[in-house]
N, C-alpha and C. Protein backbone atom coordinates (compact mmCIF):
# COMPACT_ATOMS: atom_id res chain seq x y z
N MET A 1 47.51 -79.49 -45.19
CA MET A 1 47.49 -78.41 -46.16
C MET A 1 46.12 -78.29 -46.81
N TYR A 2 45.45 -79.42 -47.07
CA TYR A 2 44.14 -79.40 -47.69
C TYR A 2 43.13 -78.68 -46.80
N VAL A 3 43.20 -78.92 -45.47
CA VAL A 3 42.29 -78.25 -44.55
C VAL A 3 42.49 -76.74 -44.61
N GLY A 4 43.76 -76.30 -44.69
CA GLY A 4 44.03 -74.86 -44.78
C GLY A 4 43.42 -74.26 -46.02
N PHE A 5 43.54 -74.94 -47.15
CA PHE A 5 42.96 -74.43 -48.39
C PHE A 5 41.45 -74.39 -48.29
N SER A 6 40.86 -75.39 -47.66
CA SER A 6 39.42 -75.44 -47.49
C SER A 6 38.92 -74.25 -46.68
N ILE A 7 39.65 -73.90 -45.64
CA ILE A 7 39.28 -72.73 -44.83
C ILE A 7 39.36 -71.46 -45.66
N TRP A 8 40.44 -71.32 -46.45
CA TRP A 8 40.59 -70.13 -47.32
C TRP A 8 39.43 -70.04 -48.30
N ARG A 9 39.13 -71.16 -48.93
CA ARG A 9 38.07 -71.15 -49.93
C ARG A 9 36.74 -70.77 -49.30
N THR A 10 36.44 -71.31 -48.14
CA THR A 10 35.20 -70.98 -47.45
C THR A 10 35.16 -69.50 -47.09
N LEU A 11 36.29 -68.98 -46.62
CA LEU A 11 36.35 -67.57 -46.26
C LEU A 11 36.11 -66.68 -47.46
N ILE A 12 36.74 -66.99 -48.57
CA ILE A 12 36.59 -66.18 -49.76
C ILE A 12 35.20 -66.33 -50.38
N LEU A 13 34.63 -67.52 -50.28
CA LEU A 13 33.31 -67.72 -50.85
C LEU A 13 32.24 -66.89 -50.14
N THR A 14 32.56 -66.38 -48.96
CA THR A 14 31.61 -65.47 -48.31
C THR A 14 31.54 -64.16 -49.08
N LEU A 15 32.40 -64.01 -50.08
CA LEU A 15 32.35 -62.83 -50.93
C LEU A 15 30.97 -62.65 -51.53
N SER A 16 30.28 -63.76 -51.78
CA SER A 16 28.95 -63.63 -52.37
C SER A 16 28.01 -62.85 -51.46
N SER A 17 28.26 -62.87 -50.17
CA SER A 17 27.45 -62.07 -49.25
C SER A 17 28.18 -60.79 -48.85
N PHE A 18 29.40 -60.62 -49.35
CA PHE A 18 30.20 -59.43 -49.10
C PHE A 18 30.30 -59.12 -47.60
N SER A 19 30.66 -60.13 -46.86
CA SER A 19 30.77 -60.03 -45.42
C SER A 19 31.96 -59.16 -45.02
N ASP A 20 31.69 -58.10 -44.29
CA ASP A 20 32.76 -57.25 -43.79
C ASP A 20 33.59 -57.98 -42.74
N ASP A 21 32.99 -58.94 -42.05
CA ASP A 21 33.75 -59.73 -41.08
C ASP A 21 34.82 -60.56 -41.78
N ALA A 22 34.43 -61.18 -42.90
CA ALA A 22 35.40 -61.98 -43.66
C ALA A 22 36.51 -61.09 -44.20
N LEU A 23 36.13 -59.92 -44.68
CA LEU A 23 37.14 -58.97 -45.18
C LEU A 23 38.07 -58.56 -44.05
N GLY A 24 37.54 -58.32 -42.86
CA GLY A 24 38.37 -57.96 -41.71
C GLY A 24 39.38 -59.04 -41.38
N VAL A 25 38.96 -60.29 -41.47
CA VAL A 25 39.88 -61.40 -41.21
C VAL A 25 40.99 -61.41 -42.26
N LEU A 26 40.63 -61.24 -43.52
CA LEU A 26 41.63 -61.22 -44.58
C LEU A 26 42.60 -60.05 -44.44
N ILE A 27 42.09 -58.90 -44.05
CA ILE A 27 42.96 -57.73 -43.84
C ILE A 27 43.95 -58.02 -42.72
N ALA A 28 43.47 -58.60 -41.63
CA ALA A 28 44.36 -58.93 -40.51
C ALA A 28 45.43 -59.92 -40.94
N ILE A 29 45.05 -60.90 -41.72
CA ILE A 29 46.03 -61.88 -42.21
C ILE A 29 47.02 -61.22 -43.15
N SER A 30 46.54 -60.33 -44.02
CA SER A 30 47.42 -59.71 -45.02
C SER A 30 48.48 -58.83 -44.38
N GLU A 31 48.20 -58.27 -43.23
CA GLU A 31 49.17 -57.40 -42.57
C GLU A 31 50.40 -58.17 -42.10
N LYS A 32 50.23 -59.43 -41.74
CA LYS A 32 51.35 -60.24 -41.24
C LYS A 32 51.82 -61.28 -42.25
N HIS A 33 50.89 -61.79 -43.06
CA HIS A 33 51.20 -62.90 -43.97
C HIS A 33 50.61 -62.60 -45.36
N SER A 34 51.11 -61.56 -46.00
CA SER A 34 50.53 -61.15 -47.28
C SER A 34 50.66 -62.23 -48.35
N LYS A 35 51.66 -63.08 -48.25
CA LYS A 35 51.85 -64.14 -49.26
C LYS A 35 50.67 -65.12 -49.25
N LEU A 36 50.13 -65.42 -48.07
CA LEU A 36 48.96 -66.31 -48.00
C LEU A 36 47.77 -65.69 -48.73
N VAL A 37 47.54 -64.42 -48.50
CA VAL A 37 46.43 -63.74 -49.15
C VAL A 37 46.68 -63.65 -50.65
N GLU A 38 47.92 -63.35 -51.01
CA GLU A 38 48.27 -63.24 -52.43
C GLU A 38 48.07 -64.56 -53.16
N ASP A 39 48.45 -65.65 -52.53
CA ASP A 39 48.37 -66.96 -53.18
C ASP A 39 46.98 -67.57 -53.18
N HIS A 40 46.19 -67.30 -52.14
CA HIS A 40 44.92 -68.01 -52.00
C HIS A 40 43.68 -67.15 -52.17
N SER A 41 43.75 -65.87 -51.86
CA SER A 41 42.56 -65.03 -51.91
C SER A 41 42.49 -64.18 -53.17
N LEU A 42 43.61 -63.54 -53.51
CA LEU A 42 43.58 -62.64 -54.66
C LEU A 42 43.18 -63.34 -55.96
N PRO A 43 43.64 -64.56 -56.23
CA PRO A 43 43.19 -65.20 -57.48
C PRO A 43 41.67 -65.35 -57.56
N ILE A 44 41.05 -65.66 -56.44
CA ILE A 44 39.59 -65.81 -56.42
C ILE A 44 38.93 -64.46 -56.66
N LEU A 45 39.44 -63.42 -56.03
CA LEU A 45 38.86 -62.09 -56.22
C LEU A 45 39.05 -61.59 -57.64
N PHE A 46 40.26 -61.72 -58.17
CA PHE A 46 40.50 -61.25 -59.54
C PHE A 46 39.69 -62.05 -60.56
N ALA A 47 39.50 -63.33 -60.31
CA ALA A 47 38.71 -64.15 -61.22
C ALA A 47 37.24 -63.72 -61.24
N SER A 48 36.79 -63.07 -60.18
CA SER A 48 35.40 -62.63 -60.15
C SER A 48 35.17 -61.32 -60.89
N LEU A 49 36.25 -60.66 -61.34
CA LEU A 49 36.10 -59.44 -62.12
C LEU A 49 35.88 -59.81 -63.59
N PRO A 50 34.83 -59.29 -64.20
CA PRO A 50 34.57 -59.64 -65.60
C PRO A 50 35.58 -58.99 -66.55
N ASP A 51 35.77 -59.61 -67.71
CA ASP A 51 36.65 -59.04 -68.72
C ASP A 51 35.98 -57.88 -69.46
N MET A 52 34.68 -57.88 -69.48
CA MET A 52 33.91 -56.80 -70.09
C MET A 52 32.82 -56.38 -69.11
N PRO A 53 32.38 -55.13 -69.22
CA PRO A 53 31.35 -54.68 -68.28
C PRO A 53 30.04 -55.44 -68.47
N PRO A 54 29.33 -55.70 -67.38
CA PRO A 54 28.03 -56.36 -67.49
C PRO A 54 27.03 -55.46 -68.23
N SER A 55 26.01 -56.08 -68.79
CA SER A 55 24.99 -55.32 -69.52
C SER A 55 24.20 -54.43 -68.56
N ARG A 56 23.43 -53.54 -69.13
CA ARG A 56 22.65 -52.58 -68.32
C ARG A 56 21.69 -53.25 -67.35
N ASP A 57 21.13 -54.37 -67.75
CA ASP A 57 20.16 -55.03 -66.87
C ASP A 57 20.79 -56.05 -65.92
N ALA A 58 22.09 -56.17 -65.92
CA ALA A 58 22.80 -57.12 -65.05
C ALA A 58 23.22 -56.42 -63.76
N HIS A 59 22.24 -56.01 -62.99
CA HIS A 59 22.50 -55.24 -61.77
C HIS A 59 23.31 -56.01 -60.74
N GLN A 60 23.03 -57.30 -60.59
CA GLN A 60 23.77 -58.11 -59.62
C GLN A 60 25.23 -58.27 -60.03
N ASP A 61 25.47 -58.43 -61.31
CA ASP A 61 26.86 -58.56 -61.79
C ASP A 61 27.63 -57.27 -61.55
N ARG A 62 26.99 -56.16 -61.79
CA ARG A 62 27.63 -54.87 -61.56
C ARG A 62 27.90 -54.67 -60.07
N ALA A 63 26.94 -55.00 -59.22
CA ALA A 63 27.14 -54.89 -57.77
C ALA A 63 28.27 -55.81 -57.31
N ARG A 64 28.39 -56.97 -57.94
CA ARG A 64 29.44 -57.92 -57.58
C ARG A 64 30.83 -57.36 -57.92
N TYR A 65 30.99 -56.74 -59.10
CA TYR A 65 32.32 -56.22 -59.41
C TYR A 65 32.63 -54.98 -58.58
N TRP A 66 31.62 -54.18 -58.24
CA TRP A 66 31.87 -53.05 -57.33
C TRP A 66 32.34 -53.55 -55.97
N ALA A 67 31.67 -54.58 -55.47
CA ALA A 67 32.05 -55.13 -54.17
C ALA A 67 33.45 -55.76 -54.22
N THR A 68 33.76 -56.43 -55.31
CA THR A 68 35.09 -57.03 -55.46
C THR A 68 36.15 -55.95 -55.48
N LEU A 69 35.92 -54.88 -56.22
CA LEU A 69 36.89 -53.78 -56.25
C LEU A 69 37.01 -53.13 -54.87
N ARG A 70 35.91 -53.03 -54.14
CA ARG A 70 35.97 -52.48 -52.78
C ARG A 70 36.82 -53.38 -51.89
N TRP A 71 36.62 -54.69 -51.99
CA TRP A 71 37.42 -55.64 -51.21
C TRP A 71 38.89 -55.49 -51.56
N LEU A 72 39.19 -55.44 -52.85
CA LEU A 72 40.58 -55.32 -53.28
C LEU A 72 41.20 -54.02 -52.79
N SER A 73 40.43 -52.94 -52.80
CA SER A 73 40.98 -51.65 -52.35
C SER A 73 41.29 -51.65 -50.86
N ARG A 74 40.58 -52.43 -50.10
CA ARG A 74 40.83 -52.50 -48.66
C ARG A 74 41.87 -53.55 -48.31
N LEU A 75 41.98 -54.55 -49.15
CA LEU A 75 42.87 -55.68 -48.87
C LEU A 75 44.28 -55.47 -49.40
N CYS A 76 44.44 -54.77 -50.49
CA CYS A 76 45.73 -54.70 -51.19
C CYS A 76 46.56 -53.48 -50.81
N ILE A 77 46.63 -53.18 -49.56
CA ILE A 77 47.45 -52.06 -49.09
C ILE A 77 48.90 -52.49 -48.86
N PRO A 78 49.19 -53.66 -48.32
CA PRO A 78 50.60 -54.07 -48.18
C PRO A 78 51.29 -54.10 -49.55
N ALA A 79 52.56 -53.76 -49.57
CA ALA A 79 53.32 -53.59 -50.82
C ALA A 79 53.20 -54.77 -51.79
N PRO A 80 53.38 -56.02 -51.34
CA PRO A 80 53.30 -57.12 -52.32
C PRO A 80 51.90 -57.25 -52.94
N LEU A 81 50.88 -57.02 -52.12
CA LEU A 81 49.52 -57.13 -52.62
C LEU A 81 49.18 -55.97 -53.56
N PHE A 82 49.70 -54.79 -53.24
CA PHE A 82 49.46 -53.64 -54.11
C PHE A 82 50.14 -53.83 -55.46
N GLU A 83 51.31 -54.42 -55.44
CA GLU A 83 52.01 -54.72 -56.70
C GLU A 83 51.14 -55.61 -57.58
N THR A 84 50.58 -56.66 -57.01
CA THR A 84 49.70 -57.55 -57.74
C THR A 84 48.46 -56.81 -58.22
N LEU A 85 47.90 -55.98 -57.36
CA LEU A 85 46.72 -55.20 -57.72
C LEU A 85 46.98 -54.32 -58.94
N THR A 86 48.09 -53.61 -58.95
CA THR A 86 48.37 -52.71 -60.07
C THR A 86 48.54 -53.48 -61.38
N VAL A 87 49.25 -54.59 -61.31
CA VAL A 87 49.47 -55.38 -62.53
C VAL A 87 48.15 -55.93 -63.06
N ARG A 88 47.37 -56.53 -62.18
CA ARG A 88 46.12 -57.17 -62.62
C ARG A 88 45.07 -56.16 -63.07
N LEU A 89 44.93 -55.04 -62.33
CA LEU A 89 43.92 -54.06 -62.73
C LEU A 89 44.31 -53.31 -63.99
N MET A 90 45.59 -53.03 -64.16
CA MET A 90 46.01 -52.36 -65.40
C MET A 90 45.82 -53.29 -66.60
N THR A 91 46.08 -54.57 -66.41
CA THR A 91 45.84 -55.52 -67.49
C THR A 91 44.35 -55.56 -67.85
N LYS A 92 43.50 -55.55 -66.83
CA LYS A 92 42.06 -55.54 -67.05
C LYS A 92 41.64 -54.26 -67.76
N LEU A 93 42.18 -53.13 -67.34
CA LEU A 93 41.86 -51.84 -67.97
C LEU A 93 42.28 -51.83 -69.44
N GLU A 94 43.48 -52.31 -69.71
CA GLU A 94 43.96 -52.36 -71.10
C GLU A 94 43.05 -53.24 -71.95
N LEU A 95 42.59 -54.33 -71.38
CA LEU A 95 41.71 -55.25 -72.09
C LEU A 95 40.37 -54.59 -72.42
N ILE A 96 39.75 -53.97 -71.45
CA ILE A 96 38.41 -53.42 -71.70
C ILE A 96 38.44 -52.15 -72.55
N CYS A 97 39.57 -51.46 -72.58
CA CYS A 97 39.67 -50.23 -73.38
C CYS A 97 40.21 -50.47 -74.78
N SER A 98 40.60 -51.68 -75.07
CA SER A 98 41.18 -52.00 -76.37
C SER A 98 40.09 -52.28 -77.40
N SER A 99 40.25 -51.73 -78.58
CA SER A 99 39.26 -51.96 -79.64
C SER A 99 39.30 -53.40 -80.16
N ARG A 100 40.39 -54.12 -79.93
CA ARG A 100 40.47 -55.52 -80.36
C ARG A 100 39.45 -56.39 -79.65
N HIS A 101 39.02 -55.96 -78.47
CA HIS A 101 38.11 -56.78 -77.66
C HIS A 101 36.71 -56.18 -77.62
N GLN A 102 36.39 -55.37 -78.60
CA GLN A 102 35.09 -54.73 -78.63
C GLN A 102 34.20 -55.40 -79.66
N ASN A 103 32.92 -55.31 -79.41
CA ASN A 103 31.97 -55.74 -80.42
C ASN A 103 30.95 -54.63 -80.62
N ALA A 104 30.18 -54.74 -81.67
CA ALA A 104 29.30 -53.65 -82.08
C ALA A 104 28.22 -53.34 -81.05
N ASP A 105 27.79 -54.33 -80.29
CA ASP A 105 26.71 -54.08 -79.35
C ASP A 105 27.20 -53.71 -77.94
N ARG A 106 28.48 -53.45 -77.81
CA ARG A 106 29.03 -53.07 -76.51
C ARG A 106 28.69 -51.62 -76.21
N ASP A 107 28.23 -51.36 -75.00
CA ASP A 107 27.79 -50.03 -74.59
C ASP A 107 28.98 -49.21 -74.09
N PRO A 108 29.31 -48.10 -74.76
CA PRO A 108 30.46 -47.27 -74.35
C PRO A 108 30.30 -46.69 -72.95
N GLU A 109 29.08 -46.42 -72.54
CA GLU A 109 28.84 -45.88 -71.20
C GLU A 109 29.21 -46.90 -70.13
N LEU A 110 28.86 -48.15 -70.36
CA LEU A 110 29.18 -49.19 -69.39
C LEU A 110 30.68 -49.45 -69.34
N THR A 111 31.33 -49.39 -70.50
CA THR A 111 32.77 -49.56 -70.54
C THR A 111 33.47 -48.43 -69.79
N ALA A 112 33.01 -47.21 -70.00
CA ALA A 112 33.60 -46.06 -69.29
C ALA A 112 33.41 -46.20 -67.79
N ALA A 113 32.24 -46.64 -67.37
CA ALA A 113 31.97 -46.79 -65.93
C ALA A 113 32.86 -47.87 -65.31
N TYR A 114 33.02 -48.98 -66.02
CA TYR A 114 33.86 -50.07 -65.51
C TYR A 114 35.33 -49.64 -65.46
N ALA A 115 35.80 -49.00 -66.51
CA ALA A 115 37.18 -48.52 -66.55
C ALA A 115 37.41 -47.49 -65.44
N TYR A 116 36.44 -46.62 -65.22
CA TYR A 116 36.55 -45.62 -64.16
C TYR A 116 36.64 -46.32 -62.80
N SER A 117 35.83 -47.33 -62.58
CA SER A 117 35.85 -48.06 -61.30
C SER A 117 37.22 -48.69 -61.05
N ILE A 118 37.82 -49.22 -62.09
CA ILE A 118 39.15 -49.82 -61.95
C ILE A 118 40.18 -48.76 -61.58
N LEU A 119 40.16 -47.65 -62.31
CA LEU A 119 41.11 -46.57 -62.01
C LEU A 119 40.85 -45.96 -60.63
N LYS A 120 39.59 -45.85 -60.25
CA LYS A 120 39.25 -45.29 -58.93
C LYS A 120 39.78 -46.19 -57.82
N THR A 121 39.73 -47.49 -58.02
CA THR A 121 40.28 -48.43 -57.04
C THR A 121 41.77 -48.19 -56.86
N LEU A 122 42.49 -48.10 -57.97
CA LEU A 122 43.93 -47.83 -57.90
C LEU A 122 44.20 -46.48 -57.23
N ALA A 123 43.45 -45.47 -57.61
CA ALA A 123 43.65 -44.12 -57.06
C ALA A 123 43.41 -44.09 -55.56
N SER A 124 42.37 -44.77 -55.10
CA SER A 124 42.06 -44.71 -53.66
C SER A 124 43.12 -45.43 -52.83
N VAL A 125 43.60 -46.57 -53.31
CA VAL A 125 44.63 -47.29 -52.56
C VAL A 125 45.94 -46.50 -52.59
N LEU A 126 46.28 -45.94 -53.74
CA LEU A 126 47.50 -45.14 -53.84
C LEU A 126 47.45 -43.93 -52.90
N GLU A 127 46.32 -43.26 -52.85
CA GLU A 127 46.16 -42.10 -51.98
C GLU A 127 46.33 -42.50 -50.51
N LEU A 128 45.72 -43.61 -50.13
CA LEU A 128 45.84 -44.10 -48.77
C LEU A 128 47.29 -44.43 -48.44
N LYS A 129 47.97 -45.12 -49.36
CA LYS A 129 49.36 -45.50 -49.15
C LYS A 129 50.27 -44.26 -49.10
N ALA A 130 50.03 -43.30 -49.97
CA ALA A 130 50.85 -42.09 -49.99
C ALA A 130 50.68 -41.29 -48.69
N ASN A 131 49.44 -41.17 -48.24
CA ASN A 131 49.18 -40.42 -47.00
C ASN A 131 49.76 -41.12 -45.78
N ALA A 132 49.88 -42.44 -45.84
CA ALA A 132 50.46 -43.20 -44.73
C ALA A 132 51.99 -43.28 -44.84
N GLY A 133 52.55 -42.75 -45.90
CA GLY A 133 54.00 -42.73 -46.07
C GLY A 133 54.61 -44.07 -46.45
N HIS A 134 53.85 -44.90 -47.14
CA HIS A 134 54.39 -46.20 -47.56
C HIS A 134 55.57 -45.97 -48.51
N PRO A 135 56.68 -46.64 -48.26
CA PRO A 135 57.89 -46.40 -49.06
C PRO A 135 57.84 -46.97 -50.48
N ASP A 136 56.86 -47.83 -50.78
CA ASP A 136 56.81 -48.42 -52.11
C ASP A 136 56.11 -47.55 -53.16
N VAL A 137 55.42 -46.50 -52.75
CA VAL A 137 54.66 -45.68 -53.69
C VAL A 137 55.55 -45.01 -54.75
N PRO A 138 56.68 -44.41 -54.39
CA PRO A 138 57.49 -43.72 -55.41
C PRO A 138 57.96 -44.60 -56.56
N LYS A 139 58.11 -45.90 -56.34
CA LYS A 139 58.60 -46.77 -57.41
C LYS A 139 57.62 -46.88 -58.57
N TYR A 140 56.36 -46.54 -58.32
CA TYR A 140 55.35 -46.67 -59.37
C TYR A 140 55.47 -45.59 -60.44
N ILE A 141 56.38 -44.65 -60.24
CA ILE A 141 56.64 -43.68 -61.30
C ILE A 141 57.27 -44.38 -62.50
N ASP A 142 57.98 -45.47 -62.25
CA ASP A 142 58.65 -46.21 -63.32
C ASP A 142 57.83 -47.37 -63.86
N THR A 143 56.80 -47.79 -63.15
CA THR A 143 56.04 -48.96 -63.61
C THR A 143 54.59 -48.63 -63.95
N LEU A 144 53.87 -48.01 -63.04
CA LEU A 144 52.45 -47.75 -63.25
C LEU A 144 52.23 -46.56 -64.19
N LEU A 145 52.96 -45.50 -64.03
CA LEU A 145 52.75 -44.32 -64.88
C LEU A 145 52.95 -44.62 -66.35
N PRO A 146 54.02 -45.31 -66.75
CA PRO A 146 54.14 -45.62 -68.18
C PRO A 146 52.97 -46.45 -68.72
N ARG A 147 52.44 -47.37 -67.91
CA ARG A 147 51.30 -48.17 -68.37
C ARG A 147 50.06 -47.31 -68.54
N ILE A 148 49.86 -46.37 -67.63
CA ILE A 148 48.71 -45.47 -67.76
C ILE A 148 48.85 -44.63 -69.02
N TYR A 149 50.01 -44.03 -69.20
CA TYR A 149 50.23 -43.21 -70.39
C TYR A 149 50.04 -44.03 -71.66
N LEU A 150 50.61 -45.22 -71.69
CA LEU A 150 50.51 -46.07 -72.88
C LEU A 150 49.06 -46.47 -73.16
N THR A 151 48.31 -46.75 -72.11
CA THR A 151 46.89 -47.09 -72.29
C THR A 151 46.13 -45.95 -72.93
N PHE A 152 46.37 -44.73 -72.45
CA PHE A 152 45.67 -43.58 -73.01
C PHE A 152 46.14 -43.26 -74.43
N ILE A 153 47.41 -43.41 -74.69
CA ILE A 153 47.92 -43.19 -76.04
C ILE A 153 47.31 -44.22 -76.99
N SER A 154 47.25 -45.47 -76.57
CA SER A 154 46.65 -46.52 -77.39
C SER A 154 45.18 -46.23 -77.66
N MET A 155 44.45 -45.80 -76.65
CA MET A 155 43.04 -45.47 -76.85
C MET A 155 42.89 -44.32 -77.84
N ALA A 156 43.76 -43.33 -77.75
CA ALA A 156 43.67 -42.18 -78.65
C ALA A 156 43.98 -42.56 -80.09
N LEU A 157 44.86 -43.53 -80.28
CA LEU A 157 45.26 -43.92 -81.63
C LEU A 157 44.31 -44.92 -82.29
N GLU A 158 43.57 -45.65 -81.49
CA GLU A 158 42.65 -46.65 -82.03
C GLU A 158 41.42 -45.99 -82.62
N GLU A 159 40.98 -46.50 -83.72
CA GLU A 159 39.74 -46.02 -84.31
C GLU A 159 38.62 -46.93 -83.84
N SER A 160 37.71 -46.36 -83.09
CA SER A 160 36.64 -47.16 -82.53
C SER A 160 35.55 -46.23 -82.03
N SER A 161 34.34 -46.69 -82.10
CA SER A 161 33.24 -45.89 -81.55
C SER A 161 33.37 -45.77 -80.05
N LEU A 162 33.99 -46.76 -79.42
CA LEU A 162 34.17 -46.74 -77.98
C LEU A 162 35.22 -45.71 -77.57
N ASN A 163 36.25 -45.60 -78.37
CA ASN A 163 37.35 -44.69 -78.05
C ASN A 163 37.27 -43.42 -78.88
N ASP A 164 36.10 -42.82 -78.95
CA ASP A 164 35.90 -41.63 -79.76
C ASP A 164 36.29 -40.35 -79.03
N GLY A 165 37.00 -40.45 -77.96
CA GLY A 165 37.40 -39.28 -77.18
C GLY A 165 36.59 -39.14 -75.91
N LYS A 166 35.37 -39.63 -75.92
CA LYS A 166 34.53 -39.52 -74.72
C LYS A 166 35.05 -40.41 -73.59
N LEU A 167 35.48 -41.62 -73.95
CA LEU A 167 36.03 -42.52 -72.94
C LEU A 167 37.26 -41.90 -72.31
N ILE A 168 38.14 -41.38 -73.15
CA ILE A 168 39.37 -40.76 -72.65
C ILE A 168 39.05 -39.57 -71.76
N SER A 169 38.13 -38.73 -72.20
CA SER A 169 37.82 -37.54 -71.40
C SER A 169 37.19 -37.90 -70.05
N ARG A 170 36.48 -39.00 -69.99
CA ARG A 170 35.89 -39.43 -68.71
C ARG A 170 36.92 -40.03 -67.77
N LEU A 171 37.95 -40.64 -68.34
CA LEU A 171 38.95 -41.32 -67.52
C LEU A 171 40.14 -40.44 -67.16
N LEU A 172 40.37 -39.38 -67.90
CA LEU A 172 41.53 -38.53 -67.65
C LEU A 172 41.60 -37.96 -66.23
N PRO A 173 40.50 -37.45 -65.66
CA PRO A 173 40.61 -36.88 -64.30
C PRO A 173 41.08 -37.90 -63.25
N ILE A 174 40.57 -39.12 -63.29
CA ILE A 174 40.98 -40.10 -62.29
C ILE A 174 42.40 -40.59 -62.58
N ALA A 175 42.76 -40.70 -63.85
CA ALA A 175 44.16 -41.04 -64.19
C ALA A 175 45.09 -39.93 -63.71
N GLY A 176 44.64 -38.68 -63.84
CA GLY A 176 45.43 -37.54 -63.34
C GLY A 176 45.63 -37.61 -61.84
N ASP A 177 44.61 -38.08 -61.12
CA ASP A 177 44.75 -38.24 -59.66
C ASP A 177 45.84 -39.27 -59.33
N ILE A 178 45.86 -40.36 -60.08
CA ILE A 178 46.88 -41.39 -59.85
C ILE A 178 48.26 -40.82 -60.12
N ILE A 179 48.41 -40.14 -61.23
CA ILE A 179 49.70 -39.57 -61.61
C ILE A 179 50.15 -38.55 -60.57
N THR A 180 49.25 -37.68 -60.15
CA THR A 180 49.58 -36.66 -59.15
C THR A 180 50.03 -37.29 -57.84
N THR A 181 49.32 -38.31 -57.39
CA THR A 181 49.68 -38.97 -56.13
C THR A 181 51.07 -39.55 -56.20
N ILE A 182 51.39 -40.22 -57.30
CA ILE A 182 52.71 -40.84 -57.42
C ILE A 182 53.80 -39.77 -57.52
N VAL A 183 53.59 -38.77 -58.33
CA VAL A 183 54.60 -37.72 -58.50
C VAL A 183 54.81 -36.96 -57.19
N ARG A 184 53.74 -36.77 -56.45
CA ARG A 184 53.83 -36.06 -55.17
C ARG A 184 54.74 -36.77 -54.17
N THR A 185 54.87 -38.08 -54.31
CA THR A 185 55.69 -38.84 -53.35
C THR A 185 57.18 -38.83 -53.71
N GLN A 186 57.50 -38.29 -54.86
CA GLN A 186 58.90 -38.26 -55.30
C GLN A 186 59.68 -37.23 -54.48
N THR A 187 60.85 -37.62 -54.04
CA THR A 187 61.72 -36.68 -53.33
C THR A 187 62.65 -36.03 -54.33
N ALA A 188 63.10 -34.84 -54.02
CA ALA A 188 64.03 -34.15 -54.91
C ALA A 188 65.33 -34.95 -54.99
N ARG A 189 65.84 -35.10 -56.19
CA ARG A 189 67.06 -35.91 -56.36
C ARG A 189 68.24 -35.03 -56.56
């Protein structure tokens, strides 16, 4: 078992070079054995996402979270992995958009960009899944949509320089794409 974990860790650590070959191997594994990827790879990837956006001069950190989100968007297409993706990314979004976790020197532009990247990741995977006819997409009307609405309502109600309406207006179009994709998959009842 230790050897297996060592192989997983080595494979995931290639994330620092963002190897498409390593990602291809993980995608192939996830199609047949999503639990292995969920247990061993996703924790490493999610741990590499910062709780707050990197500063303006932290170009490598920003490139790293973009690459991590790209990996997650390509890897988390199977239903169990997508479930984990939605829970973890929505939690991250709620954290970065909450005024409780803000400080005075935090840049609203960077926060908006990071929040947009998170929502864009969810939107792109959802669109791919909906177009492929994945049967798990309609269930997100009961789980993901309420979290999105609640996040936006919370942002609107909080008094903060970060949530002065500009953040919401920048995020609404991509949140609308997520909502539209999920609603579009609903069958008439």
